Amino acid sequence: MDGFYVAYEYGSGAAWAFVKADTAAAVTAEFPELDVYDTPPEWMTVEDLHQVREHAVVELHATPNLDHILDASRRMSLAAAS
């Protein structure tokens, strides 16, 4: 696998991204506040998955903090709105 879908749950929703990493454990070690998915949730559509992979991909080791995950999710939301 080339990465993992992740979600940052913030109460009334979630910020989604795709983190490029070799293992889920590596993502969890770097970002314990994220939910890491080996497979996408069943409710996500093909279009949802495409949007995340197109607009919200981050490299694990190039990502110094959670703000990069949230920025990736924000880019995805802006792309969907346009």
Protein backbone atom coordinates (compact mmCIF):
# COMPACT_ATOMS: atom_id res chain seq x y z
CA MET A 1 0.00 0.00 0.00
CA ASP A 2 1.24 3.48 -0.78
CA GLY A 3 -0.56 5.20 2.07
CA PHE A 4 -3.57 5.46 4.32
CA TYR A 5 -6.76 7.44 4.50
CA VAL A 6 -6.86 9.41 7.74
CA ALA A 7 -9.46 11.48 9.53
CA TYR A 8 -9.20 14.11 12.18
CA GLU A 9 -12.51 14.04 14.03
CA TYR A 10 -13.50 17.46 15.36
CA GLY A 11 -16.95 16.89 16.80
CA SER A 12 -19.37 17.87 14.04
CA GLY A 13 -17.36 16.28 11.23
CA ALA A 14 -13.94 15.18 10.12
CA ALA A 15 -11.04 16.47 8.07
CA TRP A 16 -9.88 13.77 5.65
CA ALA A 17 -6.51 13.29 3.97
CA PHE A 18 -4.36 10.58 2.45
CA VAL A 19 -0.98 10.17 4.12
CA LYS A 20 1.77 8.50 2.10
CA ALA A 21 3.44 6.06 4.47
CA ASP A 22 4.67 2.45 4.56
CA THR A 23 2.66 1.40 7.61
CA ALA A 24 -0.36 2.51 9.61
CA ALA A 25 1.82 2.33 12.72
CA ALA A 26 4.13 4.98 11.26
CA VAL A 27 1.17 7.32 10.74
CA THR A 28 -0.16 6.66 14.24
CA ALA A 29 3.28 7.26 15.76
CA GLU A 30 3.53 10.64 14.03
CA PHE A 31 -0.13 11.63 14.44
CA PRO A 32 -1.78 9.85 17.37
CA GLU A 33 -4.78 12.19 17.10
CA LEU A 34 -5.77 10.80 13.67
CA ASP A 35 -7.96 7.83 12.89
CA VAL A 36 -6.01 5.71 10.38
CA TYR A 37 -7.85 3.43 7.94
CA ASP A 38 -6.29 0.36 6.31
CA THR A 39 -9.28 0.40 3.96
CA PRO A 40 -11.58 3.36 3.39
CA PRO A 41 -14.85 3.43 5.31
CA GLU A 42 -17.67 1.70 3.44
CA TRP A 43 -19.76 4.87 3.29
CA MET A 44 -17.11 6.71 1.21
CA THR A 45 -17.97 6.79 -2.48
CA VAL A 46 -15.50 6.39 -5.31
CA GLU A 47 -15.84 10.14 -5.88
CA ASP A 48 -15.04 10.83 -2.20
CA LEU A 49 -11.91 8.69 -2.45
CA HIS A 50 -10.89 10.40 -5.68
CA GLN A 51 -11.32 13.85 -4.11
CA VAL A 52 -9.13 12.94 -1.14
CA ARG A 53 -6.43 11.39 -3.36
CA GLU A 54 -6.48 14.35 -5.75
CA HIS A 55 -6.55 17.24 -3.28
CA ALA A 56 -5.52 16.05 0.18
CA VAL A 57 -2.35 13.95 -0.12
CA VAL A 58 0.54 14.56 2.25
CA GLU A 59 3.91 12.88 2.72
CA LEU A 60 4.40 11.49 6.21
CA HIS A 61 7.99 12.61 6.69
CA ALA A 62 7.46 15.96 4.98
CA THR A 63 4.57 16.77 7.29
CA PRO A 64 5.82 18.48 10.43
CA ASN A 65 2.44 18.85 12.17
CA LEU A 66 -1.30 18.32 12.09
CA ASP A 67 -1.82 21.69 10.37
CA HIS A 68 -0.63 20.13 7.09
CA ILE A 69 -3.33 17.46 7.36
CA LEU A 70 -5.99 20.10 8.04
CA ASP A 71 -4.71 22.28 5.17
CA ALA A 72 -4.91 19.29 2.81
CA SER A 73 -8.51 18.69 3.83
CA ARG A 74 -9.29 22.39 3.38
CA ARG A 75 -7.86 22.30 -0.17
CA MET A 76 -10.14 19.35 -0.92
CA SER A 77 -13.18 21.25 0.39
CA LEU A 78 -12.30 24.32 -1.67
CA ALA A 79 -11.87 22.23 -4.81
CA ALA A 80 -15.26 20.60 -4.28
CA ALA A 81 -16.92 23.99 -3.82
CA SER A 82 -15.57 25.40 -7.09
